[in-house]
Amino acid sequence: MLTSTKYIFGFVAGVALLWGAWFLAVQQNQTPMWKQYQQQYFQQTGQPADIAVRQIVPQMTGKPELCVSCHIGLQEISSSHPVEVFGCVSCHGGNPLTLEADQAHIGLRGGKNPSDLTVVAQSCGQGCHSGTPDPSKNHVESVRRSLQATYAGGIAAVRFAFGAQSDALPQYGVFAVTDNDGITTAHGLSKLDAFPHTSDNPIDIKFAKNCLDAGCHLSEPARAEPYFYRATGCAACHVLYGNDGLYQGDDPTIPHDEPGHMQSHQFTTAIPYTQCNHCHNRGNYSLRQMDFLLRDDLPPLGAPLSDQMPDEGRRLIEYYQPIGEFTLCEWELDCIDCHTAQEAMGDGDIHPNQQEMQYTQCQTCHGTLETLPNISTVTTADTTVLRQAALNPNYQLHVGDQVIKTSRGELLGHVKLIDGQYILTSKVSGVQYPFNPVKGSGCQQDGSRQDSAYCHQCHTYQR
């Protein structure tokens, strides 16, 4: 009798558990997704649960938005784009008055990325980063005409080398682009046609397949592989991605175990070399094979680097290709400490190749045997360099500071002359690097030679 009672009790308990599980499943299915997201957010952050429809009314539009009801843990994109002013829809588009994801995401610009070059004029332009009286603020036009976007020089070099065109002057970009604002540099181009993906020339077909459509350049989505994860357009540089492509923020709608997401929903101008490496230093394009050959010492071909590897060790492997030679500056600094905003983002002209666009040289900071570096005192009229400094947390700039001036008149706000000492402050780390000019050093350089191979003859630094 006791045994049968035990069985009956066990059966009833089992049924109760199954019923309870079914009831919870039904309840969960009946719970709106926005509530589930908020429950997940409060659980993962350890905060007291406060489940409620959340609404913002951004100053820019004056219209209510419910986006943060689901995206409750999403970081503010930047201090220069406060959510109470911009909201979400002014940049992303979409339907702000519904809590159903399928409906809310109708009309999103660029999918997850409103800075994609196909939609950037609508998202980031509209009088903000385009069409302003100040050319230095018209980033949409400059970026679309930049070499990072057009790849004009690389396309022309390959086509000319294989006889697909009669000279090395660019005819095509990754996409068509026109300069209607007037050419301001000696080698600027008026326009580029779109690369002929439907060409009958086998060189065009193979080059497009193995290079232009293989996860390179600002308009092409990245390879879905370690070290390649990044966004397109402006976010390719200004929104950081980990080498593993995993999200590290608190937005419950973005999975933490699915590669292909930004580290956090934030813009930055403190862009580390690791971000640049999602495109650069991944390998080399072989003209002989007409194919991009990946490095074999890094994933996906090489073994993953240990998470316990010190930063210095990772930098030595990740940043530098083994075949290269580097000066002490190149070992210690990040890419953006030398390459200026105009070099990276464009200056408004359509340039034919990197040689015509890249103007930062060793003598920019170090001068020559005969001349000291060009120094300029910052005034209130230098709004561009002051704005750049205000957007970067790692260095400060004030009216009256003395800074390096490039050959094209661009001020380097992070490279100053202070009490007779030249000091570069890293835009990425804030570390200060004092350095000396060439003049008076006894160096035997030829000031007219500024190519890296020439400087490396004496200044190669071994580690």
Protein backbone atom coordinates (compact mmCIF):
# COMPACT_ATOMS: atom_id res chain seq x y z
CA MET A 1 0.00 0.00 0.00
CA LEU A 2 2.81 2.38 0.87
CA THR A 3 4.55 1.49 -2.37
CA SER A 4 1.49 2.19 -4.51
CA THR A 5 0.93 5.48 -2.68
CA LYS A 6 4.51 6.43 -3.43
CA TYR A 7 4.00 5.70 -7.15
CA ILE A 8 0.78 7.66 -7.19
CA PHE A 9 2.47 10.59 -5.46
CA GLY A 10 5.36 10.47 -7.91
CA PHE A 11 3.01 10.37 -10.88
CA VAL A 12 1.03 13.35 -9.60
CA ALA A 13 4.22 15.30 -8.90
CA GLY A 14 5.51 14.56 -12.41
CA VAL A 15 2.27 15.71 -13.97
CA ALA A 16 2.41 18.87 -11.86
CA LEU A 17 5.93 19.62 -13.04
CA LEU A 18 4.98 19.08 -16.68
CA TRP A 19 1.91 21.25 -16.25
CA GLY A 20 3.98 23.94 -14.56
CA ALA A 21 6.54 23.88 -17.37
CA TRP A 22 3.76 24.06 -19.95
CA PHE A 23 2.12 26.94 -18.09
CA LEU A 24 5.39 28.87 -17.94
CA ALA A 25 6.00 28.27 -21.63
CA VAL A 26 2.54 29.52 -22.48
CA GLN A 27 3.02 32.54 -20.26
CA GLN A 28 6.37 33.30 -21.89
CA ASN A 29 4.87 32.97 -25.36
CA GLN A 30 2.16 35.38 -24.31
CA THR A 31 4.67 37.83 -22.84
CA PRO A 32 5.54 40.50 -25.43
CA MET A 33 9.13 40.44 -26.62
CA TRP A 34 9.79 43.93 -25.32
CA LYS A 35 8.96 42.73 -21.81
CA GLN A 36 11.16 39.67 -22.23
CA TYR A 37 14.03 41.89 -23.36
CA GLN A 38 13.62 44.13 -20.33
CA GLN A 39 13.47 41.12 -18.00
CA GLN A 40 16.69 39.84 -19.55
CA TYR A 41 18.34 43.26 -19.22
CA PHE A 42 17.51 43.63 -15.53
CA GLN A 43 18.62 40.07 -14.82
CA GLN A 44 21.99 40.44 -16.55
CA THR A 45 22.72 43.84 -14.98
CA GLY A 46 21.49 42.91 -11.50
CA GLN A 47 19.19 45.93 -11.29
CA PRO A 48 15.71 45.87 -9.73
CA ALA A 49 13.16 45.02 -12.40
CA ASP A 50 11.24 47.99 -13.76
CA ILE A 51 9.23 46.65 -16.69
CA ALA A 52 7.56 49.49 -18.55
CA VAL A 53 7.08 50.98 -21.99
CA ARG A 54 9.87 53.51 -22.42
CA GLN A 55 9.45 56.58 -24.58
CA ILE A 56 11.77 59.36 -25.65
CA VAL A 57 10.86 62.57 -27.51
CA PRO A 58 14.07 63.81 -29.17
CA GLN A 59 14.47 67.54 -29.61
CA MET A 60 15.42 67.19 -33.27
CA THR A 61 12.06 65.76 -34.31
CA GLY A 62 9.73 66.41 -31.38
CA LYS A 63 8.09 63.04 -32.10
CA PRO A 64 7.84 60.15 -29.60
CA GLU A 65 9.94 57.02 -30.08
CA LEU A 66 9.58 53.64 -28.35
CA CYS A 67 12.84 52.07 -29.56
CA VAL A 68 14.43 51.97 -26.10
CA SER A 69 11.63 49.77 -24.82
CA CYS A 70 13.45 46.87 -26.50
CA HIS A 71 16.93 48.35 -26.82
CA ILE A 72 16.94 49.30 -23.16
CA GLY A 73 20.65 48.69 -22.54
CA LEU A 74 22.00 50.23 -25.75
CA GLN A 75 24.81 52.69 -25.11
CA GLU A 76 24.48 56.27 -26.29
CA ILE A 77 26.29 56.46 -29.61
CA SER A 78 28.43 59.45 -28.57
CA SER A 79 28.39 62.61 -26.50
CA SER A 80 28.15 64.59 -29.74
CA HIS A 81 24.98 62.69 -30.67
CA PRO A 82 22.98 62.77 -27.38
CA VAL A 83 19.91 60.57 -27.53
CA GLU A 84 17.68 63.26 -26.05
CA VAL A 85 18.54 65.44 -29.06
CA PHE A 86 18.87 62.95 -31.93
CA GLY A 87 16.83 59.99 -30.74
CA CYS A 88 17.12 56.85 -32.85
CA VAL A 89 14.98 57.41 -35.95
CA SER A 90 16.72 60.53 -37.25
CA CYS A 91 19.76 58.35 -37.98
CA HIS A 92 18.41 54.80 -38.24
CA GLY A 93 14.99 55.36 -39.77
CA GLY A 94 12.32 52.77 -39.03
CA ASN A 95 8.92 52.99 -37.36
CA PRO A 96 9.23 54.44 -33.85
CA LEU A 97 5.61 53.94 -32.72
CA THR A 98 5.36 50.16 -32.50
CA LEU A 99 6.72 47.57 -30.10
CA GLU A 100 6.62 44.77 -32.71
CA ALA A 101 10.16 44.25 -34.04
CA ASP A 102 9.09 43.35 -37.59
CA GLN A 103 7.07 46.53 -37.86
CA ALA A 104 9.54 48.73 -36.00
CA HIS A 105 12.39 47.78 -38.32
CA ILE A 106 10.58 48.51 -41.58
CA GLY A 107 12.50 51.28 -43.34
CA LEU A 108 15.73 50.94 -41.37
CA ARG A 109 18.52 52.65 -43.29
CA GLY A 110 21.38 50.33 -44.11
CA GLY A 111 19.93 47.52 -42.01
CA LYS A 112 21.84 47.70 -38.74
CA ASN A 113 24.21 50.39 -40.05
CA PRO A 114 22.90 53.81 -41.10
CA SER A 115 26.44 54.92 -42.01
CA ASP A 116 26.68 52.43 -44.88
CA LEU A 117 27.70 54.36 -47.98
CA THR A 118 24.47 53.48 -49.79
CA VAL A 119 22.39 55.41 -47.24
CA VAL A 120 24.87 57.68 -45.45
CA ALA A 121 23.69 60.79 -47.28
CA GLN A 122 20.19 60.33 -45.84
CA SER A 123 21.31 59.19 -42.38
CA CYS A 124 24.38 61.27 -41.59
CA GLY A 125 23.95 64.02 -44.18
CA GLN A 126 20.85 66.20 -44.14
CA GLY A 127 22.77 69.31 -43.03
CA CYS A 128 24.79 67.49 -40.34
CA HIS A 129 27.72 65.88 -42.15
CA SER A 130 26.81 67.05 -45.64
CA GLY A 131 25.79 70.21 -47.43
CA THR A 132 27.15 72.64 -44.83
CA PRO A 133 28.94 75.93 -45.64
CA ASP A 134 32.03 74.56 -43.85
CA PRO A 135 33.71 72.03 -46.21
CA SER A 136 35.53 70.41 -43.26
CA LYS A 137 32.14 69.23 -41.93
CA ASN A 138 30.96 67.66 -45.18
CA HIS A 139 32.26 64.21 -44.33
CA VAL A 140 29.73 62.35 -46.48
CA GLU A 141 31.07 63.84 -49.70
CA SER A 142 34.71 63.54 -48.62
CA VAL A 143 34.44 59.90 -47.54
CA ARG A 144 32.60 58.83 -50.69
CA ARG A 145 35.37 60.40 -52.79
CA SER A 146 38.21 59.06 -50.65
CA LEU A 147 40.56 56.32 -51.77
CA GLN A 148 39.30 54.11 -48.96
CA ALA A 149 35.91 54.21 -50.65
CA THR A 150 36.79 54.33 -54.36
CA TYR A 151 39.98 52.20 -54.44
CA ALA A 152 40.63 54.08 -57.67
CA GLY A 153 44.41 53.69 -57.67
CA GLY A 154 44.36 49.95 -57.00
CA ILE A 155 41.76 49.30 -59.69
CA ALA A 156 43.68 51.33 -62.26
CA ALA A 157 47.01 49.70 -61.42
CA VAL A 158 45.67 46.17 -61.86
CA ARG A 159 43.74 46.94 -65.05
CA PHE A 160 46.73 48.75 -66.59
CA ALA A 161 49.15 45.96 -65.61
CA PHE A 162 47.03 43.39 -67.46
CA GLY A 163 46.20 45.55 -70.47
CA ALA A 164 42.58 46.25 -69.59
CA GLN A 165 43.22 49.99 -69.99
CA SER A 166 45.84 51.99 -71.89
CA ASP A 167 47.30 53.98 -68.96
CA ALA A 168 47.32 54.07 -65.16
CA LEU A 169 44.90 57.00 -64.85
CA PRO A 170 41.83 55.82 -62.90
CA GLN A 171 38.62 55.43 -64.84
CA TYR A 172 36.64 53.44 -62.26
CA GLY A 173 35.88 53.36 -58.58
CA VAL A 174 34.17 50.68 -56.52
CA PHE A 175 31.09 52.81 -57.24
CA ALA A 176 30.49 55.88 -59.41
CA VAL A 177 31.31 59.23 -57.86
CA THR A 178 31.47 62.82 -59.09
CA ASP A 179 33.14 65.93 -57.70
CA ASN A 180 30.78 68.84 -58.27
CA ASP A 181 32.43 71.07 -55.68
CA GLY A 182 35.54 71.93 -57.68
CA ILE A 183 38.95 70.25 -57.75
CA THR A 184 41.33 71.78 -55.21
CA THR A 185 44.49 69.66 -55.67
CA ALA A 186 46.84 69.20 -58.60
CA HIS A 187 45.86 65.61 -59.41
CA GLY A 188 42.18 65.60 -58.47
CA LEU A 189 39.72 63.89 -60.80
CA SER A 190 36.31 65.15 -61.82
CA LYS A 191 34.58 61.75 -61.72
CA LEU A 192 34.88 57.96 -61.67
CA ASP A 193 32.55 55.48 -63.30
CA ALA A 194 31.38 52.39 -61.44
CA PHE A 195 33.65 49.35 -61.83
CA PRO A 196 32.37 47.20 -64.73
CA HIS A 197 31.24 44.05 -62.89
CA THR A 198 29.51 42.85 -66.08
CA SER A 199 32.60 43.43 -68.24
CA ASP A 200 33.58 40.94 -70.93
CA ASN A 201 37.21 41.34 -69.86
CA PRO A 202 38.28 38.32 -67.75
CA ILE A 203 40.65 40.55 -65.75
CA ASP A 204 37.71 42.64 -64.53
CA ILE A 205 35.68 39.56 -63.63
CA LYS A 206 38.46 37.88 -61.67
CA PHE A 207 39.59 41.08 -59.94
CA ALA A 208 36.03 41.82 -58.86
CA LYS A 209 35.51 38.29 -57.54
CA ASN A 210 38.80 37.97 -55.65
CA CYS A 211 39.20 41.54 -54.42
CA LEU A 212 36.37 44.03 -54.80
CA ASP A 213 33.63 41.58 -53.77
CA ALA A 214 35.68 39.68 -51.19
CA GLY A 215 35.14 41.70 -48.05
CA CYS A 216 37.41 44.68 -48.71
CA HIS A 217 36.80 48.43 -48.94
CA LEU A 218 34.32 50.66 -47.17
CA SER A 219 31.27 49.68 -49.18
CA GLU A 220 31.78 45.90 -49.01
CA PRO A 221 30.62 43.87 -45.99
CA ALA A 222 33.47 42.19 -44.17
CA ARG A 223 34.33 38.50 -44.31
CA ALA A 224 32.55 36.60 -41.56
CA GLU A 225 35.84 35.39 -40.10
CA PRO A 226 38.01 36.26 -37.07
CA TYR A 227 40.06 39.45 -37.44
CA PHE A 228 37.90 40.64 -40.36
CA TYR A 229 34.71 41.65 -38.52
CA ARG A 230 33.78 45.30 -39.02
CA ALA A 231 30.97 47.49 -40.30
CA THR A 232 30.82 49.41 -43.58
CA GLY A 233 30.90 53.14 -44.27
CA CYS A 234 31.76 55.53 -41.43
CA ALA A 235 31.31 52.79 -38.83
CA ALA A 236 34.09 50.73 -40.45
CA CYS A 237 36.52 52.97 -38.56
CA HIS A 238 34.50 54.74 -35.89
CA VAL A 239 32.63 51.76 -34.35
CA LEU A 240 35.00 49.25 -32.79
CA TYR A 241 34.78 45.52 -33.42
CA GLY A 242 36.64 42.81 -31.55
CA ASN A 243 38.68 40.27 -33.47
CA ASP A 244 36.08 37.70 -32.42
CA GLY A 245 33.18 39.89 -33.59
CA LEU A 246 31.29 39.57 -30.30
CA TYR A 247 29.08 42.19 -28.66
CA GLN A 248 30.07 43.25 -25.15
CA GLY A 249 27.33 45.73 -24.28
CA ASP A 250 24.01 45.47 -22.40
CA ASP A 251 21.45 45.63 -25.21
CA PRO A 252 19.43 42.42 -24.65
CA THR A 253 18.40 42.26 -28.32
CA ILE A 254 21.99 41.60 -29.44
CA PRO A 255 23.32 38.10 -28.64
CA HIS A 256 26.69 37.87 -26.92
CA ASP A 257 27.63 34.56 -28.53
CA GLU A 258 26.95 35.42 -32.19
CA PRO A 259 29.97 36.77 -34.15
CA GLY A 260 29.52 39.76 -36.43
CA HIS A 261 28.51 42.48 -33.97
CA MET A 262 30.18 45.65 -32.73
CA GLN A 263 31.79 45.63 -29.29
CA SER A 264 29.48 48.44 -28.19
CA HIS A 265 27.08 50.94 -29.74
CA GLN A 266 29.51 53.85 -29.59
CA PHE A 267 31.42 56.10 -31.96
CA THR A 268 35.08 56.82 -31.22
CA THR A 269 37.88 58.89 -32.69
CA ALA A 270 40.38 57.00 -30.52
CA ILE A 271 40.73 54.31 -33.18
CA PRO A 272 43.30 51.62 -32.25
CA TYR A 273 45.47 49.74 -34.72
CA THR A 274 43.31 46.65 -34.12
CA GLN A 275 40.42 48.37 -35.87
CA CYS A 276 42.58 49.33 -38.86
CA ASN A 277 43.79 45.74 -39.02
CA HIS A 278 40.32 44.46 -39.82
CA CYS A 279 41.13 45.63 -43.36
CA HIS A 280 44.88 46.20 -43.41
CA ASN A 281 47.75 43.76 -42.72
CA ARG A 282 45.56 40.76 -43.41
CA GLY A 283 47.72 39.59 -46.30
CA ASN A 284 48.71 40.64 -49.80
CA TYR A 285 47.07 40.71 -53.21
CA SER A 286 49.04 38.57 -55.64
CA LEU A 287 49.07 39.92 -59.19
CA ARG A 288 50.53 36.62 -60.41
CA GLN A 289 47.62 34.63 -59.00
CA MET A 290 45.04 37.43 -59.18
CA ASP A 291 43.99 36.49 -55.68
CA PHE A 292 44.23 37.80 -52.13
CA LEU A 293 46.57 35.63 -50.07
CA LEU A 294 45.82 35.59 -46.35
CA ARG A 295 48.55 35.70 -43.73
CA ASP A 296 49.27 32.23 -42.42
CA ASP A 297 50.32 33.39 -38.94
CA LEU A 298 46.89 34.74 -37.96
CA PRO A 299 43.37 33.30 -38.02
CA PRO A 300 41.59 32.03 -40.02
CA LEU A 301 44.62 30.22 -41.50
CA GLY A 302 46.81 30.42 -38.41
CA ALA A 303 46.11 29.36 -34.85
CA PRO A 304 44.20 31.80 -32.57
CA LEU A 305 46.35 33.88 -30.24
CA SER A 306 46.04 33.14 -26.55
CA ASP A 307 43.79 35.41 -24.51
CA GLN A 308 46.58 35.50 -21.91
CA MET A 309 49.10 36.94 -24.36
CA PRO A 310 50.31 40.38 -23.17
CA ASP A 311 49.24 43.39 -25.24
CA GLU A 312 52.80 44.01 -26.38
CA GLY A 313 53.12 40.46 -27.66
CA ARG A 314 49.82 40.67 -29.52
CA ARG A 315 50.83 43.96 -31.08
CA LEU A 316 54.09 42.54 -32.40
CA ILE A 317 52.20 39.76 -34.17
CA GLU A 318 48.95 41.45 -35.17
CA TYR A 319 50.12 44.90 -36.20
CA TYR A 320 53.17 44.10 -38.26
CA GLN A 321 53.64 41.75 -41.15
CA PRO A 322 56.83 39.73 -40.64
CA ILE A 323 58.37 40.99 -43.90
CA GLY A 324 58.24 44.64 -42.84
CA GLU A 325 60.80 47.01 -41.33
CA PHE A 326 59.71 49.65 -38.84
CA THR A 327 61.06 52.68 -37.04
CA LEU A 328 60.59 53.22 -33.30
CA CYS A 329 57.69 55.59 -34.09
CA GLU A 330 55.92 52.86 -36.02
CA TRP A 331 56.44 50.32 -33.24
CA GLU A 332 55.02 52.58 -30.52
CA LEU A 333 52.30 54.65 -32.17
CA ASP A 334 48.90 53.78 -33.61
CA CYS A 335 47.91 54.41 -37.20
CA ILE A 336 45.88 57.55 -36.48
CA ASP A 337 48.80 59.15 -34.63
CA CYS A 338 50.47 59.72 -38.01
CA HIS A 339 47.75 59.42 -40.66
CA THR A 340 45.57 62.51 -40.56
CA ALA A 341 41.81 62.84 -40.88
CA GLN A 342 42.11 64.14 -44.45
CA GLU A 343 44.36 61.25 -45.46
CA ALA A 344 41.96 58.66 -44.03
CA MET A 345 38.58 60.27 -44.71
CA GLY A 346 39.41 62.28 -47.80
CA ASP A 347 39.76 65.99 -48.42
CA GLY A 348 36.87 66.42 -50.88
CA ASP A 349 38.83 65.64 -54.05
CA ILE A 350 38.84 62.35 -55.95
CA HIS A 351 42.49 61.30 -55.82
CA PRO A 352 44.04 58.92 -58.38
CA ASN A 353 46.26 56.95 -55.99
CA GLN A 354 47.65 56.78 -52.47
CA GLN A 355 50.87 58.57 -53.39
CA GLU A 356 48.94 61.71 -54.31
CA MET A 357 46.78 61.56 -51.18
CA GLN A 358 49.22 60.58 -48.44
CA TYR A 359 51.27 63.61 -47.41
CA THR A 360 52.33 62.93 -43.82
CA GLN A 361 56.06 62.20 -43.87
CA CYS A 362 58.88 61.85 -41.37
CA GLN A 363 59.77 65.50 -41.90
CA THR A 364 56.22 66.55 -40.95
CA CYS A 365 57.14 66.06 -37.29
CA HIS A 366 60.94 65.87 -37.38
CA GLY A 367 61.76 68.54 -39.96
CA THR A 368 65.00 68.34 -41.96
CA LEU A 369 68.66 69.20 -41.45
CA GLU A 370 67.94 72.76 -42.59
CA THR A 371 64.44 73.43 -41.25
CA LEU A 372 62.52 72.79 -38.05
CA PRO A 373 59.00 71.34 -38.17
CA ASN A 374 56.33 73.79 -39.27
CA ILE A 375 54.61 75.16 -36.14
CA SER A 376 51.31 77.03 -35.94
CA THR A 377 49.62 78.71 -32.96
CA VAL A 378 46.01 77.61 -32.54
CA THR A 379 43.47 80.42 -32.80
CA THR A 380 39.70 80.56 -32.40
CA ALA A 381 39.45 80.32 -36.19
CA ASP A 382 40.97 76.81 -36.15
CA THR A 383 37.59 75.19 -35.54
CA THR A 384 38.40 71.88 -37.22
CA VAL A 385 41.37 70.94 -35.04
CA LEU A 386 39.60 72.20 -31.90
CA ARG A 387 36.55 70.10 -32.77
CA GLN A 388 38.73 67.04 -33.38
CA ALA A 389 40.34 67.45 -29.96
CA ALA A 390 36.96 67.90 -28.25
CA LEU A 391 35.82 64.56 -29.70
CA ASN A 392 38.87 62.63 -28.48
CA PRO A 393 39.23 61.87 -24.74
CA ASN A 394 42.98 61.25 -24.83
CA TYR A 395 44.42 64.68 -25.57
CA GLN A 396 43.49 68.30 -24.96
CA LEU A 397 43.92 71.37 -27.12
CA HIS A 398 43.45 75.03 -26.28
CA VAL A 399 43.61 78.32 -28.12
CA GLY A 400 47.22 79.52 -27.91
CA ASP A 401 48.79 76.04 -28.09
CA GLN A 402 51.59 75.55 -30.60
CA VAL A 403 51.10 72.51 -32.82
CA ILE A 404 52.63 70.86 -35.90
CA LYS A 405 51.26 72.03 -39.26
CA THR A 406 51.37 69.70 -42.27
CA SER A 407 52.47 70.66 -45.77
CA ARG A 408 48.79 71.01 -46.73
CA GLY A 409 47.95 73.25 -43.79
CA GLU A 410 46.26 70.62 -41.60
CA LEU A 411 46.96 71.15 -37.89
CA LEU A 412 47.95 68.16 -35.75
CA GLY A 413 46.38 69.02 -32.41
CA HIS A 414 48.00 66.08 -30.63
CA VAL A 415 51.57 67.08 -31.61
CA LYS A 416 52.69 70.16 -29.70
CA LEU A 417 55.74 72.28 -29.01
CA ILE A 418 55.78 72.88 -25.24
CA ASP A 419 58.61 74.90 -23.67
CA GLY A 420 60.96 73.96 -26.51
CA GLN A 421 60.11 70.23 -26.41
CA TYR A 422 58.17 68.47 -29.15
CA ILE A 423 55.58 66.07 -27.67
CA LEU A 424 53.16 63.73 -29.42
CA THR A 425 50.21 62.52 -27.33
CA SER A 426 48.70 59.25 -28.53
CA LYS A 427 45.13 59.67 -29.71
CA VAL A 428 44.45 56.10 -28.61
CA SER A 429 46.14 55.77 -25.22
CA GLY A 430 46.95 59.32 -24.11
CA VAL A 431 50.62 58.34 -23.61
CA GLN A 432 53.02 61.20 -24.30
CA TYR A 433 56.07 60.68 -26.54
CA PRO A 434 58.72 63.43 -26.50
CA PHE A 435 60.78 63.56 -29.71
CA ASN A 436 63.53 65.67 -31.26
CA PRO A 437 63.90 67.46 -34.58
CA VAL A 438 66.51 66.40 -37.12
CA LYS A 439 68.10 69.83 -37.29
CA GLY A 440 71.23 69.92 -35.17
CA SER A 441 71.30 66.15 -34.73
CA GLY A 442 74.17 65.34 -37.08
CA CYS A 443 71.89 63.14 -39.21
CA GLN A 444 73.16 62.64 -42.75
CA GLN A 445 69.78 62.34 -44.41
CA ASP A 446 68.83 63.80 -47.75
CA GLY A 447 65.85 66.01 -46.92
CA SER A 448 64.32 65.40 -50.33
CA ARG A 449 64.03 61.67 -49.61
CA GLN A 450 61.08 60.80 -47.41
CA ASP A 451 60.17 57.29 -48.54
CA SER A 452 60.09 54.70 -45.80
CA ALA A 453 62.74 52.46 -47.38
CA TYR A 454 65.22 55.35 -47.27
CA CYS A 455 64.52 56.19 -43.61
CA HIS A 456 64.67 52.51 -42.65
CA GLN A 457 68.27 52.29 -43.85
CA CYS A 458 69.32 53.97 -40.63
CA HIS A 459 66.28 53.98 -38.37
CA THR A 460 65.03 50.39 -38.48
CA TYR A 461 64.26 49.42 -34.89
CA GLN A 462 64.54 45.76 -33.94
CA ARG A 463 62.43 44.08 -31.27
